[in-house]
Amino acid sequence: MGAGWELGAAAGRSLLLCAALLVAGCALGLRLGRGRAAADRGVLAWLCYDALVHFALEGPFVYLSFVGNIADSEGLIASLWKEYGKADARWLHFDPTIVSLEILTVVLDGSLALVLIYAIVKEKYYRHFLQITLCVCELYGGWMTFFPDWLMGSPNLNTDSWLYFGVYLVFFNSVWVLIPGLLLCQSWVELKKMYYKGTSSGKKFQ
């Protein structure tokens, strides 16, 4: 019972921290999107959450990986990654592929998310260029995180537990596949509208 309670407490703290970031991201995004269309408010909420995850969770992971490793680190953020490490052991120790991807994620994806928030709020012409770039980066990160391990038979993944496999690996990571995929579709539709609008406007002056 003691071990089970410790597992539940660790998982509970990690999930609570993720939920707190989600609430903060949504609140900030909805505030920034006041007076805008519902779709843009939803995108802003996601981007704020996305940026918070990159900087508040993955940033410290990169730092801790360089000064030591997650398994030997202490603190709230370290405990979250230790819990996730029960699902994917590569996050507990210095894995060059994971750390390289996380550096790219924090520096590039986090920065793109912030600039994209600005572009949406200020209605900049480069909004969808940034949105497509960010989404492709997110999808690439997900692919390179898991596909190499799958090719080797998933030796580092814990697929025996519904919590570790179903929630940590499948649910949390699929969010960063589903939402970028939906945003790519949104950009496709909006760029198509702008193209046809520009084409029809040009014909009027011919």
C-alpha atoms as a PDB file:
ATOM      1  CA  MET A   1       0.000   0.000   0.000  1.00  0.00           C
ATOM      2  CA  GLY A   2       2.889   2.348   0.818  1.00  0.00           C
ATOM      3  CA  ALA A   3       4.507   1.936  -2.589  1.00  0.00           C
ATOM      4  CA  GLY A   4       1.177   2.391  -4.313  1.00  0.00           C
ATOM      5  CA  TRP A   5       0.497   5.579  -2.356  1.00  0.00           C
ATOM      6  CA  GLU A   6       3.937   6.958  -3.226  1.00  0.00           C
ATOM      7  CA  LEU A   7       3.282   6.238  -6.896  1.00  0.00           C
ATOM      8  CA  GLY A   8      -0.105   7.924  -6.702  1.00  0.00           C
ATOM      9  CA  ALA A   9       1.298  10.962  -4.893  1.00  0.00           C
ATOM     10  CA  ALA A  10       4.104  11.423  -7.421  1.00  0.00           C
ATOM     11  CA  ALA A  11       1.710  11.085 -10.340  1.00  0.00           C
ATOM     12  CA  GLY A  12      -0.755  13.427  -8.659  1.00  0.00           C
ATOM     13  CA  ARG A  13       1.835  16.176  -8.175  1.00  0.00           C
ATOM     14  CA  SER A  14       2.980  15.889 -11.785  1.00  0.00           C
ATOM     15  CA  LEU A  15      -0.537  15.966 -13.191  1.00  0.00           C
ATOM     16  CA  LEU A  16      -1.458  18.879 -10.915  1.00  0.00           C
ATOM     17  CA  LEU A  17       1.506  20.908 -12.173  1.00  0.00           C
ATOM     18  CA  CYS A  18       0.535  20.196 -15.793  1.00  0.00           C
ATOM     19  CA  ALA A  19      -3.048  21.196 -15.025  1.00  0.00           C
ATOM     20  CA  ALA A  20      -1.871  24.442 -13.399  1.00  0.00           C
ATOM     21  CA  LEU A  21       0.137  25.327 -16.517  1.00  0.00           C
ATOM     22  CA  LEU A  22      -2.886  24.514 -18.673  1.00  0.00           C
ATOM     23  CA  VAL A  23      -5.144  26.786 -16.627  1.00  0.00           C
ATOM     24  CA  ALA A  24      -2.553  29.594 -16.656  1.00  0.00           C
ATOM     25  CA  GLY A  25      -1.989  29.243 -20.407  1.00  0.00           C
ATOM     26  CA  CYS A  26      -5.689  29.223 -21.208  1.00  0.00           C
ATOM     27  CA  ALA A  27      -6.399  32.197 -18.945  1.00  0.00           C
ATOM     28  CA  LEU A  28      -3.585  34.237 -20.505  1.00  0.00           C
ATOM     29  CA  GLY A  29      -4.531  33.253 -24.049  1.00  0.00           C
ATOM     30  CA  LEU A  30      -8.200  34.064 -23.563  1.00  0.00           C
ATOM     31  CA  ARG A  31      -7.264  37.416 -22.049  1.00  0.00           C
ATOM     32  CA  LEU A  32      -5.006  38.259 -24.989  1.00  0.00           C
ATOM     33  CA  GLY A  33      -7.748  37.187 -27.376  1.00  0.00           C
ATOM     34  CA  ARG A  34     -10.552  39.299 -25.967  1.00  0.00           C
ATOM     35  CA  GLY A  35     -12.745  40.646 -28.749  1.00  0.00           C
ATOM     36  CA  ARG A  36     -11.325  38.207 -31.305  1.00  0.00           C
ATOM     37  CA  ALA A  37     -12.958  35.272 -33.051  1.00  0.00           C
ATOM     38  CA  ALA A  38     -13.414  32.077 -31.041  1.00  0.00           C
ATOM     39  CA  ALA A  39     -10.906  30.197 -33.219  1.00  0.00           C
ATOM     40  CA  ASP A  40      -8.164  32.766 -32.579  1.00  0.00           C
ATOM     41  CA  ARG A  41      -8.889  32.761 -28.857  1.00  0.00           C
ATOM     42  CA  GLY A  42      -8.514  28.999 -28.826  1.00  0.00           C
ATOM     43  CA  VAL A  43      -5.247  29.201 -30.761  1.00  0.00           C
ATOM     44  CA  LEU A  44      -3.896  31.834 -28.372  1.00  0.00           C
ATOM     45  CA  ALA A  45      -4.836  29.704 -25.363  1.00  0.00           C
ATOM     46  CA  TRP A  46      -2.968  26.758 -26.862  1.00  0.00           C
ATOM     47  CA  LEU A  47       0.080  28.848 -27.772  1.00  0.00           C
ATOM     48  CA  CYS A  48       0.344  30.313 -24.287  1.00  0.00           C
ATOM     49  CA  TYR A  49       0.168  26.830 -22.788  1.00  0.00           C
ATOM     50  CA  ASP A  50       2.646  25.553 -25.367  1.00  0.00           C
ATOM     51  CA  ALA A  51       5.131  28.325 -24.544  1.00  0.00           C
ATOM     52  CA  LEU A  52       4.759  27.728 -20.799  1.00  0.00           C
ATOM     53  CA  VAL A  53       5.499  24.028 -21.237  1.00  0.00           C
ATOM     54  CA  HIS A  54       8.553  24.713 -23.386  1.00  0.00           C
ATOM     55  CA  PHE A  55      10.047  27.324 -21.060  1.00  0.00           C
ATOM     56  CA  ALA A  56       8.819  26.257 -17.597  1.00  0.00           C
ATOM     57  CA  LEU A  57       9.149  22.464 -17.948  1.00  0.00           C
ATOM     58  CA  GLU A  58      11.444  21.628 -20.847  1.00  0.00           C
ATOM     59  CA  GLY A  59      13.846  24.506 -20.233  1.00  0.00           C
ATOM     60  CA  PRO A  60      14.722  23.269 -16.725  1.00  0.00           C
ATOM     61  CA  PHE A  61      14.991  19.721 -18.113  1.00  0.00           C
ATOM     62  CA  VAL A  62      17.722  20.866 -20.506  1.00  0.00           C
ATOM     63  CA  TYR A  63      19.529  22.698 -17.718  1.00  0.00           C
ATOM     64  CA  LEU A  64      19.359  19.738 -15.325  1.00  0.00           C
ATOM     65  CA  SER A  65      20.565  17.412 -18.073  1.00  0.00           C
ATOM     66  CA  PHE A  66      23.708  19.501 -18.576  1.00  0.00           C
ATOM     67  CA  VAL A  67      24.582  19.974 -14.905  1.00  0.00           C
ATOM     68  CA  GLY A  68      23.891  16.319 -14.068  1.00  0.00           C
ATOM     69  CA  ASN A  69      20.867  14.202 -14.842  1.00  0.00           C
ATOM     70  CA  ILE A  70      17.228  14.061 -13.889  1.00  0.00           C
ATOM     71  CA  ALA A  71      17.587  10.876 -11.835  1.00  0.00           C
ATOM     72  CA  ASP A  72      19.978  12.566  -9.384  1.00  0.00           C
ATOM     73  CA  SER A  73      18.247  15.978  -9.305  1.00  0.00           C
ATOM     74  CA  GLU A  74      15.865  17.316  -6.681  1.00  0.00           C
ATOM     75  CA  GLY A  75      12.985  19.786  -6.813  1.00  0.00           C
ATOM     76  CA  LEU A  76       9.497  20.094  -8.206  1.00  0.00           C
ATOM     77  CA  ILE A  77      10.450  20.105 -11.894  1.00  0.00           C
ATOM     78  CA  ALA A  78      12.910  17.251 -11.410  1.00  0.00           C
ATOM     79  CA  SER A  79      10.230  15.199  -9.663  1.00  0.00           C
ATOM     80  CA  LEU A  80       7.897  15.728 -12.629  1.00  0.00           C
ATOM     81  CA  TRP A  81      10.526  14.455 -15.072  1.00  0.00           C
ATOM     82  CA  LYS A  82      11.362  11.562 -12.760  1.00  0.00           C
ATOM     83  CA  GLU A  83       7.710  10.595 -12.878  1.00  0.00           C
ATOM     84  CA  TYR A  84       7.672  10.845 -16.680  1.00  0.00           C
ATOM     85  CA  GLY A  85      10.920   8.863 -16.701  1.00  0.00           C
ATOM     86  CA  LYS A  86       8.962   5.906 -15.372  1.00  0.00           C
ATOM     87  CA  ALA A  87       7.242   5.854 -18.766  1.00  0.00           C
ATOM     88  CA  ASP A  88      10.320   6.672 -20.873  1.00  0.00           C
ATOM     89  CA  ALA A  89      13.672   5.910 -19.239  1.00  0.00           C
ATOM     90  CA  ARG A  90      15.598   8.137 -21.652  1.00  0.00           C
ATOM     91  CA  TRP A  91      14.468  11.195 -19.736  1.00  0.00           C
ATOM     92  CA  LEU A  92      16.157  10.086 -16.515  1.00  0.00           C
ATOM     93  CA  HIS A  93      19.712  10.122 -17.848  1.00  0.00           C
ATOM     94  CA  PHE A  94      21.567  12.131 -20.467  1.00  0.00           C
ATOM     95  CA  ASP A  95      20.267  10.848 -23.803  1.00  0.00           C
ATOM     96  CA  PRO A  96      21.922  12.859 -26.632  1.00  0.00           C
ATOM     97  CA  THR A  97      18.929  12.579 -28.976  1.00  0.00           C
ATOM     98  CA  ILE A  98      16.384  13.647 -26.368  1.00  0.00           C
ATOM     99  CA  VAL A  99      18.500  16.521 -25.038  1.00  0.00           C
ATOM    100  CA  SER A 100      19.265  17.740 -28.577  1.00  0.00           C
ATOM    101  CA  LEU A 101      15.559  17.742 -29.442  1.00  0.00           C
ATOM    102  CA  GLU A 102      14.674  19.504 -26.221  1.00  0.00           C
ATOM    103  CA  ILE A 103      17.226  22.258 -26.876  1.00  0.00           C
ATOM    104  CA  LEU A 104      15.615  22.779 -30.283  1.00  0.00           C
ATOM    105  CA  THR A 105      12.162  22.677 -28.730  1.00  0.00           C
ATOM    106  CA  VAL A 106      12.903  25.211 -26.009  1.00  0.00           C
ATOM    107  CA  VAL A 107      14.876  27.666 -28.139  1.00  0.00           C
ATOM    108  CA  LEU A 108      13.059  27.417 -31.481  1.00  0.00           C
ATOM    109  CA  ASP A 109       9.533  26.218 -30.660  1.00  0.00           C
ATOM    110  CA  GLY A 110       9.237  28.347 -27.535  1.00  0.00           C
ATOM    111  CA  SER A 111      10.407  31.467 -29.362  1.00  0.00           C
ATOM    112  CA  LEU A 112       8.149  30.757 -32.363  1.00  0.00           C
ATOM    113  CA  ALA A 113       5.165  30.374 -30.034  1.00  0.00           C
ATOM    114  CA  LEU A 114       5.828  33.808 -28.486  1.00  0.00           C
ATOM    115  CA  VAL A 115       6.276  35.525 -31.850  1.00  0.00           C
ATOM    116  CA  LEU A 116       3.163  33.797 -33.202  1.00  0.00           C
ATOM    117  CA  ILE A 117       1.155  35.069 -30.222  1.00  0.00           C
ATOM    118  CA  TYR A 118       2.314  38.576 -31.098  1.00  0.00           C
ATOM    119  CA  ALA A 119       1.488  38.045 -34.774  1.00  0.00           C
ATOM    120  CA  ILE A 120      -2.066  36.942 -33.991  1.00  0.00           C
ATOM    121  CA  VAL A 121      -2.751  39.733 -31.503  1.00  0.00           C
ATOM    122  CA  LYS A 122      -1.325  42.394 -33.838  1.00  0.00           C
ATOM    123  CA  GLU A 123      -2.788  40.761 -36.986  1.00  0.00           C
ATOM    124  CA  LYS A 124       0.570  40.551 -38.746  1.00  0.00           C
ATOM    125  CA  TYR A 125       0.807  39.301 -42.328  1.00  0.00           C
ATOM    126  CA  TYR A 126       3.327  36.587 -41.381  1.00  0.00           C
ATOM    127  CA  ARG A 127       0.991  34.873 -38.884  1.00  0.00           C
ATOM    128  CA  HIS A 128       0.331  31.737 -40.935  1.00  0.00           C
ATOM    129  CA  PHE A 129       3.939  31.387 -42.064  1.00  0.00           C
ATOM    130  CA  LEU A 130       4.941  31.218 -38.399  1.00  0.00           C
ATOM    131  CA  GLN A 131       2.031  28.955 -37.534  1.00  0.00           C
ATOM    132  CA  ILE A 132       2.981  26.439 -40.226  1.00  0.00           C
ATOM    133  CA  THR A 133       6.653  26.574 -39.209  1.00  0.00           C
ATOM    134  CA  LEU A 134       5.862  25.996 -35.526  1.00  0.00           C
ATOM    135  CA  CYS A 135       3.486  23.129 -36.261  1.00  0.00           C
ATOM    136  CA  VAL A 136       6.020  21.377 -38.494  1.00  0.00           C
ATOM    137  CA  CYS A 137       8.671  21.777 -35.768  1.00  0.00           C
ATOM    138  CA  GLU A 138       6.333  20.306 -33.141  1.00  0.00           C
ATOM    139  CA  LEU A 139       5.472  17.332 -35.360  1.00  0.00           C
ATOM    140  CA  TYR A 140       9.141  16.766 -36.207  1.00  0.00           C
ATOM    141  CA  GLY A 141      10.016  16.775 -32.515  1.00  0.00           C
ATOM    142  CA  GLY A 142       7.371  14.168 -31.750  1.00  0.00           C
ATOM    143  CA  TRP A 143       8.500  11.962 -34.632  1.00  0.00           C
ATOM    144  CA  MET A 144      12.188  12.077 -33.690  1.00  0.00           C
ATOM    145  CA  THR A 145      11.425  11.535 -30.016  1.00  0.00           C
ATOM    146  CA  PHE A 146       9.651   8.226 -30.501  1.00  0.00           C
ATOM    147  CA  PHE A 147      10.302   6.734 -33.929  1.00  0.00           C
ATOM    148  CA  PRO A 148      14.004   5.880 -33.380  1.00  0.00           C
ATOM    149  CA  ASP A 149      13.081   4.053 -30.172  1.00  0.00           C
ATOM    150  CA  TRP A 150      10.204   2.222 -31.890  1.00  0.00           C
ATOM    151  CA  LEU A 151      12.607   1.021 -34.592  1.00  0.00           C
ATOM    152  CA  MET A 152      14.658  -0.638 -31.841  1.00  0.00           C
ATOM    153  CA  GLY A 153      11.599  -2.289 -30.281  1.00  0.00           C
ATOM    154  CA  SER A 154      10.850   0.419 -27.700  1.00  0.00           C
ATOM    155  CA  PRO A 155      13.396  -0.754 -25.103  1.00  0.00           C
ATOM    156  CA  ASN A 156      13.063   2.466 -23.084  1.00  0.00           C
ATOM    157  CA  LEU A 157       9.263   2.714 -23.039  1.00  0.00           C
ATOM    158  CA  ASN A 158       7.046   1.292 -20.312  1.00  0.00           C
ATOM    159  CA  THR A 159       4.044  -0.141 -22.146  1.00  0.00           C
ATOM    160  CA  ASP A 160       2.772  -2.351 -19.298  1.00  0.00           C
ATOM    161  CA  SER A 161       1.057   0.360 -17.250  1.00  0.00           C
ATOM    162  CA  TRP A 162      -2.120   2.121 -18.337  1.00  0.00           C
ATOM    163  CA  LEU A 163      -0.912   5.295 -16.580  1.00  0.00           C
ATOM    164  CA  TYR A 164       2.565   5.375 -18.066  1.00  0.00           C
ATOM    165  CA  PHE A 165       1.628   4.181 -21.523  1.00  0.00           C
ATOM    166  CA  GLY A 166      -1.939   5.424 -21.950  1.00  0.00           C
ATOM    167  CA  VAL A 167      -1.678   8.772 -20.170  1.00  0.00           C
ATOM    168  CA  TYR A 168       1.993   9.824 -20.181  1.00  0.00           C
ATOM    169  CA  LEU A 169       3.117   8.447 -23.537  1.00  0.00           C
ATOM    170  CA  VAL A 170      -0.023   8.317 -25.688  1.00  0.00           C
ATOM    171  CA  PHE A 171      -2.310  11.063 -24.360  1.00  0.00           C
ATOM    172  CA  PHE A 172       0.189  13.814 -23.516  1.00  0.00           C
ATOM    173  CA  ASN A 173       2.277  13.327 -26.648  1.00  0.00           C
ATOM    174  CA  SER A 174      -0.704  12.935 -28.976  1.00  0.00           C
ATOM    175  CA  VAL A 175      -1.855  16.422 -27.926  1.00  0.00           C
ATOM    176  CA  TRP A 176       1.283  17.795 -29.615  1.00  0.00           C
ATOM    177  CA  VAL A 177       0.338  15.889 -32.760  1.00  0.00           C
ATOM    178  CA  LEU A 178      -3.398  16.562 -32.896  1.00  0.00           C
ATOM    179  CA  ILE A 179      -3.373  20.319 -32.211  1.00  0.00           C
ATOM    180  CA  PRO A 180      -0.467  21.174 -34.552  1.00  0.00           C
ATOM    181  CA  GLY A 181      -2.230  19.062 -37.184  1.00  0.00           C
ATOM    182  CA  LEU A 182      -5.436  21.047 -36.713  1.00  0.00           C
ATOM    183  CA  LEU A 183      -3.534  24.337 -36.861  1.00  0.00           C
ATOM    184  CA  LEU A 184      -1.888  23.268 -40.121  1.00  0.00           C
ATOM    185  CA  CYS A 185      -5.363  22.650 -41.537  1.00  0.00           C
ATOM    186  CA  GLN A 186      -6.491  26.071 -40.308  1.00  0.00           C
ATOM    187  CA  SER A 187      -3.533  27.749 -41.999  1.00  0.00           C
ATOM    188  CA  TRP A 188      -4.265  25.850 -45.218  1.00  0.00           C
ATOM    189  CA  VAL A 189      -7.876  27.077 -45.222  1.00  0.00           C
ATOM    190  CA  GLU A 190      -6.951  30.666 -44.379  1.00  0.00           C
ATOM    191  CA  LEU A 191      -4.191  30.858 -46.990  1.00  0.00           C
ATOM    192  CA  LYS A 192      -6.582  29.414 -49.559  1.00  0.00           C
ATOM    193  CA  LYS A 193      -9.136  32.114 -48.700  1.00  0.00           C
ATOM    194  CA  MET A 194      -6.495  34.828 -49.009  1.00  0.00           C
ATOM    195  CA  TYR A 195      -5.356  33.453 -52.356  1.00  0.00           C
ATOM    196  CA  TYR A 196      -8.840  33.414 -53.857  1.00  0.00           C
ATOM    197  CA  LYS A 197      -9.592  36.820 -52.377  1.00  0.00           C
ATOM    198  CA  GLY A 198      -6.462  38.234 -53.966  1.00  0.00           C
ATOM    199  CA  THR A 199      -7.238  36.530 -57.272  1.00  0.00           C
ATOM    200  CA  SER A 200     -10.794  37.853 -57.399  1.00  0.00           C
ATOM    201  CA  SER A 201      -9.620  41.351 -56.466  1.00  0.00           C
ATOM    202  CA  GLY A 202      -7.047  41.280 -59.243  1.00  0.00           C
ATOM    203  CA  LYS A 203      -9.632  40.299 -61.840  1.00  0.00           C
ATOM    204  CA  LYS A 204     -11.724  43.358 -61.010  1.00  0.00           C
ATOM    205  CA  PHE A 205      -8.927  45.640 -62.183  1.00  0.00           C
ATOM    206  CA  GLN A 206      -8.262  43.783 -65.419  1.00  0.00           C
END
